[in-house]
Amino acid sequence: MTWGEQNSESEAHAQLDMARDLGVNFIDTAEMYSVPSREQTFGESERIIGSWIKSRGRRDQIIIATKVVGPCGDWLPYIRNGNTRLDRTNIRSAVEGSLTRLQTDYIDLYQTHWPERNTNYFGQLGYEHKSQSDLTEIEDTLSTLTELLDEGKIRTIGVSNETPWGIKEHLAKANQGNRIVSIQNPYSLLNRTFEVGLAEMAIRENVGLLAYSPLGFGVLTGKYLVEDQPKNARLNLPMFKRFTRYTNPIPLKATKMYAEVALKHDLNFGQMSLAYVNERPFVTSTIIGATTVDQLKENIESIEIVLTDEVIKAIEAVHKQHPNPAP
């Protein structure tokens, strides 16, 4: 989601080349990316991935995942005039747009970016029920996705920013051909809310987590703890000033304590943060992002890190003191 905003097309291609050379075969994006979402950069991440696919070939060696936006109201008025729903018209339009930008004739994993119903996602912990008479039912969304599966335009489906109830409903309404295979939710040392309810669902129902924001917008590398912070770091850029979930006092206090664990055990802090996510049994893939190839290489190499029982014990001690400071 940095591609087309923080990264140029050539920089993005260099990252993709390195990732592929290091064994990465799964690329996740969304129709609304780059981030922060702007009309000028809408669809740029998909377009850049598409130009890379066209220039490099070997489409069958990579797995492309993308997403259709849920209801956005006044937030994204430039996407289908702001009338985004998870209904047949919107989903089919979104798929065609993504296929064109990605320069491919199929999407390996197609995900709903967030539910159409009112529920608690994007950092909202409490649940406030609201009656919605015009809601697109989950079975109607699945019916459209089934059409696209049958046509070969998508190959599997998943959800994102979902709840245990949402997973249960998707599974209950599915048949053998349109069963969801994944859930993409936030998960990191600063946000382990997935463990309450969803982790068991992921394991028992084989709907693995694609963990996003595993470094909390880069906060879990420690770069925002120092006085001389990198000026081009994401959260120091004017366009990201509204993203304060990970930089409030309590998350930063917890981050400092996790950084001390890494220092004590002679571990790279960012790699330790990613290794913890990588090792969770309910995680299918850890979605990393980077703005430089050096950052990307360091992130990918976290897969080689095995955390000792002592490190895990120290991490859990911090979590006990500051549980989920940045949901």
Protein backbone atom coordinates (compact mmCIF):
# COMPACT_ATOMS: atom_id res chain seq x y z
CA MET A 1 0.00 0.00 0.00
CA THR A 2 3.07 2.27 0.00
CA TRP A 3 3.45 1.82 -3.75
CA GLY A 4 2.23 4.86 -5.64
CA GLU A 5 2.43 7.17 -2.61
CA GLN A 6 5.61 6.63 -0.57
CA ASN A 7 7.28 4.55 -3.27
CA SER A 8 7.76 5.13 -6.98
CA GLU A 9 7.02 2.45 -9.54
CA SER A 10 10.71 1.60 -9.98
CA GLU A 11 11.21 1.33 -6.21
CA ALA A 12 8.17 -0.94 -5.94
CA HIS A 13 9.49 -3.17 -8.74
CA ALA A 14 12.85 -3.43 -6.97
CA GLN A 15 11.07 -4.54 -3.80
CA LEU A 16 9.00 -7.09 -5.69
CA ASP A 17 12.12 -8.46 -7.41
CA MET A 18 13.91 -8.85 -4.09
CA ALA A 19 10.92 -10.44 -2.40
CA ARG A 20 10.53 -12.98 -5.19
CA ASP A 21 14.26 -13.76 -5.16
CA LEU A 22 14.06 -14.39 -1.40
CA GLY A 23 11.18 -16.83 -1.77
CA VAL A 24 8.12 -14.63 -1.23
CA ASN A 25 5.25 -15.62 -3.51
CA PHE A 26 2.24 -13.90 -1.90
CA ILE A 27 1.40 -10.26 -2.70
CA ASP A 28 -1.51 -8.54 -0.99
CA THR A 29 -3.08 -5.29 -2.15
CA ALA A 30 -6.50 -3.64 -2.45
CA GLU A 31 -8.43 -1.54 -4.93
CA MET A 32 -8.33 1.50 -2.59
CA TYR A 33 -4.52 1.53 -2.21
CA SER A 34 -2.21 3.60 -2.05
CA VAL A 35 -2.56 4.69 1.56
CA PRO A 36 -3.57 7.19 2.72
CA SER A 37 -6.35 6.87 0.19
CA ARG A 38 -6.62 9.75 -2.24
CA GLU A 39 -8.40 10.14 -5.56
CA GLN A 40 -5.08 10.90 -7.26
CA THR A 41 -3.55 7.59 -6.18
CA PHE A 42 -6.62 5.33 -6.17
CA GLY A 43 -5.66 1.96 -7.67
CA GLU A 44 -1.97 2.86 -8.01
CA SER A 45 -0.70 -0.08 -5.96
CA GLU A 46 -2.59 -2.54 -8.16
CA ARG A 47 -1.43 -0.75 -11.32
CA ILE A 48 2.21 -0.93 -10.22
CA ILE A 49 1.90 -4.64 -9.41
CA GLY A 50 0.29 -5.12 -12.82
CA SER A 51 3.15 -3.42 -14.64
CA TRP A 52 5.60 -5.64 -12.74
CA ILE A 53 3.66 -8.77 -13.69
CA LYS A 54 3.65 -7.72 -17.33
CA SER A 55 7.37 -6.94 -17.41
CA ARG A 56 8.55 -9.95 -15.38
CA GLY A 57 6.09 -12.67 -16.38
CA ARG A 58 5.85 -15.90 -14.37
CA ARG A 59 2.31 -15.07 -13.25
CA ASP A 60 1.73 -18.69 -12.25
CA GLN A 61 4.52 -18.47 -9.66
CA ILE A 62 2.90 -15.75 -7.56
CA ILE A 63 -0.30 -15.48 -5.55
CA ILE A 64 -2.12 -12.16 -5.94
CA ALA A 65 -4.62 -11.08 -3.29
CA THR A 66 -6.74 -7.95 -3.49
CA LYS A 67 -9.88 -6.54 -1.90
CA VAL A 68 -13.18 -4.83 -2.63
CA VAL A 69 -14.02 -1.89 -0.37
CA GLY A 70 -17.03 -2.01 1.92
CA PRO A 71 -19.39 0.91 2.58
CA CYS A 72 -17.42 4.17 2.68
CA GLY A 73 -19.95 6.99 2.74
CA ASP A 74 -18.17 10.35 2.44
CA TRP A 75 -14.75 8.76 3.01
CA LEU A 76 -14.06 7.50 -0.54
CA PRO A 77 -16.46 9.42 -2.81
CA TYR A 78 -14.32 8.73 -5.88
CA ILE A 79 -14.84 4.96 -5.69
CA ARG A 80 -18.09 4.17 -7.48
CA ASN A 81 -19.41 7.60 -6.48
CA GLY A 82 -19.18 6.64 -2.82
CA ASN A 83 -22.01 4.13 -3.16
CA THR A 84 -19.86 1.15 -2.31
CA ARG A 85 -21.60 -1.97 -1.10
CA LEU A 86 -20.82 -5.66 -1.05
CA ASP A 87 -23.54 -6.31 -3.59
CA ARG A 88 -23.40 -7.78 -7.08
CA THR A 89 -23.04 -4.49 -8.94
CA ASN A 90 -20.20 -3.20 -6.78
CA ILE A 91 -18.28 -6.46 -6.52
CA ARG A 92 -18.37 -7.16 -10.25
CA SER A 93 -17.28 -3.59 -11.03
CA ALA A 94 -14.47 -3.79 -8.47
CA VAL A 95 -13.20 -7.13 -9.80
CA GLU A 96 -13.10 -5.87 -13.38
CA GLY A 97 -11.21 -2.75 -12.30
CA SER A 98 -8.68 -4.80 -10.31
CA LEU A 99 -8.14 -7.27 -13.16
CA THR A 100 -7.44 -4.40 -15.55
CA ARG A 101 -4.99 -2.65 -13.24
CA LEU A 102 -3.25 -5.91 -12.30
CA GLN A 103 -3.00 -6.90 -15.97
CA THR A 104 -4.12 -10.44 -15.22
CA ASP A 105 -7.16 -12.53 -16.05
CA TYR A 106 -7.59 -13.98 -12.57
CA ILE A 107 -7.14 -13.04 -8.90
CA ASP A 108 -5.88 -15.81 -6.63
CA LEU A 109 -7.51 -14.52 -3.43
CA TYR A 110 -10.35 -12.00 -3.46
CA GLN A 111 -11.31 -10.44 -0.14
CA THR A 112 -14.01 -8.17 1.23
CA HIS A 113 -12.02 -5.31 2.76
CA TRP A 114 -14.43 -4.74 5.65
CA PRO A 115 -18.00 -5.85 6.43
CA GLU A 116 -21.01 -4.01 5.13
CA ARG A 117 -22.79 -4.34 8.45
CA ASN A 118 -22.02 -2.05 11.35
CA THR A 119 -19.59 -3.84 13.66
CA ASN A 120 -16.34 -3.26 15.52
CA TYR A 121 -13.32 -3.00 13.25
CA PHE A 122 -10.56 -0.43 12.53
CA GLY A 123 -9.71 -0.11 16.22
CA GLN A 124 -13.23 -0.06 17.63
CA LEU A 125 -13.38 -2.39 20.62
CA GLY A 126 -16.90 -1.90 21.91
CA TYR A 127 -19.85 -3.19 19.91
CA GLU A 128 -22.90 -0.95 19.40
CA HIS A 129 -25.68 -2.72 17.56
CA LYS A 130 -27.52 -0.82 14.85
CA SER A 131 -30.42 -2.12 12.79
CA GLN A 132 -29.72 -1.94 9.05
CA SER A 133 -32.73 -2.67 6.88
CA ASP A 134 -30.92 -2.24 3.55
CA LEU A 135 -27.97 -4.48 4.38
CA THR A 136 -26.58 -6.74 1.66
CA GLU A 137 -26.89 -10.18 3.17
CA ILE A 138 -23.75 -12.33 3.42
CA GLU A 139 -25.36 -15.03 1.26
CA ASP A 140 -25.91 -12.43 -1.49
CA THR A 141 -22.26 -11.39 -1.34
CA LEU A 142 -21.24 -15.05 -1.48
CA SER A 143 -23.56 -15.63 -4.44
CA THR A 144 -21.78 -12.96 -6.47
CA LEU A 145 -18.37 -14.26 -5.46
CA THR A 146 -19.50 -17.75 -6.50
CA GLU A 147 -20.34 -16.43 -9.96
CA LEU A 148 -16.83 -15.01 -10.23
CA LEU A 149 -15.32 -18.28 -9.01
CA ASP A 150 -17.28 -20.19 -11.64
CA GLU A 151 -16.12 -17.73 -14.32
CA GLY A 152 -12.48 -18.19 -13.26
CA LYS A 153 -11.97 -14.50 -12.50
CA ILE A 154 -11.18 -15.27 -8.86
CA ARG A 155 -9.87 -18.53 -7.43
CA THR A 156 -10.50 -18.31 -3.68
CA ILE A 157 -12.21 -15.86 -1.35
CA GLY A 158 -11.45 -14.36 2.02
CA VAL A 159 -12.57 -11.66 4.43
CA SER A 160 -10.83 -8.81 6.22
CA ASN A 161 -11.49 -6.83 9.39
CA GLU A 162 -14.01 -9.46 10.41
CA THR A 163 -15.41 -10.73 13.71
CA PRO A 164 -16.11 -14.24 15.02
CA TRP A 165 -19.79 -13.79 14.15
CA GLY A 166 -18.85 -12.79 10.62
CA ILE A 167 -16.65 -15.85 10.18
CA LYS A 168 -19.41 -18.08 11.52
CA GLU A 169 -21.96 -16.61 9.13
CA HIS A 170 -19.69 -16.90 6.09
CA LEU A 171 -19.05 -20.55 6.88
CA ALA A 172 -22.71 -21.27 7.57
CA LYS A 173 -23.85 -19.71 4.28
CA ALA A 174 -21.11 -21.30 2.17
CA ASN A 175 -21.06 -24.44 0.10
CA GLN A 176 -17.99 -26.47 -0.74
CA GLY A 177 -16.98 -24.21 -3.61
CA ASN A 178 -17.28 -20.77 -2.01
CA ARG A 179 -15.89 -21.35 1.47
CA ILE A 180 -13.66 -18.55 2.77
CA VAL A 181 -10.02 -19.57 3.14
CA SER A 182 -8.56 -16.62 5.05
CA ILE A 183 -9.17 -13.64 7.30
CA GLN A 184 -6.99 -10.52 7.13
CA ASN A 185 -7.02 -8.62 10.43
CA PRO A 186 -4.47 -6.57 12.37
CA TYR A 187 -2.15 -8.52 14.63
CA SER A 188 1.04 -7.42 16.39
CA LEU A 189 2.63 -7.15 19.82
CA LEU A 190 0.55 -4.00 20.29
CA ASN A 191 -2.72 -5.54 19.13
CA ARG A 192 -3.46 -9.16 19.99
CA THR A 193 -7.25 -8.83 20.04
CA PHE A 194 -7.41 -11.52 17.34
CA GLU A 195 -6.57 -14.06 20.02
CA VAL A 196 -9.95 -13.50 21.70
CA GLY A 197 -12.42 -15.62 19.73
CA LEU A 198 -10.91 -15.41 16.27
CA ALA A 199 -7.73 -17.43 16.88
CA GLU A 200 -9.70 -20.54 17.75
CA MET A 201 -11.96 -20.00 14.74
CA ALA A 202 -8.92 -19.66 12.49
CA ILE A 203 -7.40 -22.94 13.64
CA ARG A 204 -10.51 -25.08 14.00
CA GLU A 205 -12.15 -23.86 10.79
CA ASN A 206 -8.92 -23.63 8.76
CA VAL A 207 -9.45 -19.94 7.99
CA GLY A 208 -5.92 -18.73 8.62
CA LEU A 209 -4.95 -15.20 9.60
CA LEU A 210 -3.19 -12.95 7.11
CA ALA A 211 -1.77 -10.61 9.75
CA TYR A 212 -1.61 -6.97 8.72
CA SER A 213 0.26 -4.15 10.48
CA PRO A 214 2.55 -6.66 12.25
CA LEU A 215 4.98 -3.82 12.97
CA GLY A 216 2.30 -1.28 13.88
CA PHE A 217 3.14 1.16 11.07
CA GLY A 218 6.83 0.66 11.84
CA VAL A 219 6.50 1.56 15.52
CA LEU A 220 7.67 -1.92 16.56
CA THR A 221 11.08 -1.33 15.00
CA GLY A 222 11.83 1.28 17.67
CA LYS A 223 12.46 4.12 15.22
CA TYR A 224 9.86 6.36 16.87
CA LEU A 225 11.40 5.92 20.32
CA VAL A 226 14.57 7.87 19.54
CA GLU A 227 14.88 11.64 19.61
CA ASP A 228 16.43 11.84 16.14
CA GLN A 229 13.64 10.11 14.23
CA PRO A 230 13.94 9.53 10.48
CA LYS A 231 12.19 12.44 8.78
CA ASN A 232 10.77 10.29 6.00
CA ALA A 233 9.35 7.65 8.32
CA ARG A 234 5.67 7.16 7.55
CA LEU A 235 4.17 8.57 10.74
CA ASN A 236 6.35 11.69 10.48
CA LEU A 237 4.89 12.61 7.10
CA PRO A 238 2.07 15.22 7.12
CA MET A 239 -0.34 12.91 5.28
CA PHE A 240 -0.11 10.33 8.08
CA LYS A 241 -0.64 12.67 11.03
CA ARG A 242 -4.17 11.33 11.58
CA PHE A 243 -2.81 7.79 12.12
CA THR A 244 -2.20 7.95 15.87
CA ARG A 245 -3.24 4.44 16.94
CA TYR A 246 0.33 3.28 17.55
CA THR A 247 1.93 6.52 18.76
CA ASN A 248 -0.21 7.45 21.74
CA PRO A 249 1.57 7.42 25.13
CA ILE A 250 0.44 3.93 26.22
CA PRO A 251 1.42 2.13 22.97
CA LEU A 252 4.78 3.91 23.04
CA LYS A 253 5.33 2.88 26.66
CA ALA A 254 4.62 -0.74 25.77
CA THR A 255 6.83 -0.44 22.68
CA LYS A 256 9.73 0.77 24.83
CA MET A 257 9.33 -2.28 27.08
CA TYR A 258 9.27 -4.67 24.09
CA ALA A 259 12.37 -2.92 22.71
CA GLU A 260 14.14 -3.58 26.02
CA VAL A 261 13.31 -7.29 25.67
CA ALA A 262 14.92 -7.33 22.23
CA LEU A 263 17.99 -5.47 23.49
CA LYS A 264 18.43 -7.78 26.47
CA HIS A 265 18.37 -10.84 24.22
CA ASP A 266 20.51 -9.32 21.46
CA LEU A 267 17.70 -9.37 18.91
CA ASN A 268 16.82 -6.90 16.18
CA PHE A 269 13.63 -5.34 17.57
CA GLY A 270 11.71 -5.34 14.29
CA GLN A 271 12.66 -8.93 13.57
CA MET A 272 11.65 -10.01 17.06
CA SER A 273 8.28 -8.31 16.60
CA LEU A 274 7.72 -10.10 13.30
CA ALA A 275 9.03 -13.43 14.59
CA TYR A 276 6.42 -13.41 17.33
CA VAL A 277 3.67 -13.05 14.71
CA ASN A 278 5.29 -15.60 12.38
CA GLU A 279 5.27 -18.26 15.11
CA ARG A 280 1.58 -18.05 16.01
CA PRO A 281 -0.21 -21.26 14.94
CA PHE A 282 -3.23 -19.38 13.59
CA VAL A 283 -1.16 -17.21 11.22
CA THR A 284 -1.03 -18.27 7.57
CA SER A 285 1.04 -15.32 6.36
CA THR A 286 2.54 -12.18 7.87
CA ILE A 287 1.90 -9.20 5.61
CA ILE A 288 4.99 -7.04 5.76
CA GLY A 289 5.50 -3.68 4.10
CA ALA A 290 8.56 -1.55 3.52
CA THR A 291 9.67 1.62 1.80
CA THR A 292 13.24 0.48 1.07
CA VAL A 293 14.77 -2.78 -0.09
CA ASP A 294 16.98 -2.81 3.01
CA GLN A 295 13.92 -2.69 5.26
CA LEU A 296 12.26 -5.36 3.16
CA LYS A 297 15.25 -7.70 3.36
CA GLU A 298 15.43 -7.28 7.13
CA ASN A 299 11.70 -7.99 7.46
CA ILE A 300 11.82 -11.09 5.29
CA GLU A 301 14.79 -12.44 7.22
CA SER A 302 12.66 -12.44 10.38
CA ILE A 303 11.41 -15.85 9.21
CA GLU A 304 14.80 -17.24 10.26
CA ILE A 305 14.38 -16.01 13.85
CA VAL A 306 13.22 -18.56 16.43
CA LEU A 307 12.26 -17.00 19.74
CA THR A 308 13.41 -18.84 22.86
CA ASP A 309 11.09 -19.69 25.72
CA GLU A 310 12.82 -16.99 27.73
CA VAL A 311 12.07 -14.33 25.11
CA ILE A 312 8.45 -15.47 24.83
CA LYS A 313 8.10 -15.31 28.60
CA ALA A 314 9.45 -11.75 28.62
CA ILE A 315 7.08 -10.72 25.81
CA GLU A 316 4.11 -12.18 27.65
CA ALA A 317 5.11 -10.29 30.79
CA VAL A 318 4.95 -6.99 28.89
CA HIS A 319 1.63 -7.98 27.34
CA LYS A 320 0.21 -8.69 30.79
CA GLN A 321 1.11 -5.17 31.89
CA HIS A 322 -0.10 -3.48 28.69
CA PRO A 323 -2.61 -5.72 26.91
CA ASN A 324 -3.59 -4.53 23.44
CA PRO A 325 -2.63 -0.84 23.80
CA ALA A 326 -3.23 -0.19 20.09
CA PRO A 327 -6.29 -2.16 18.94
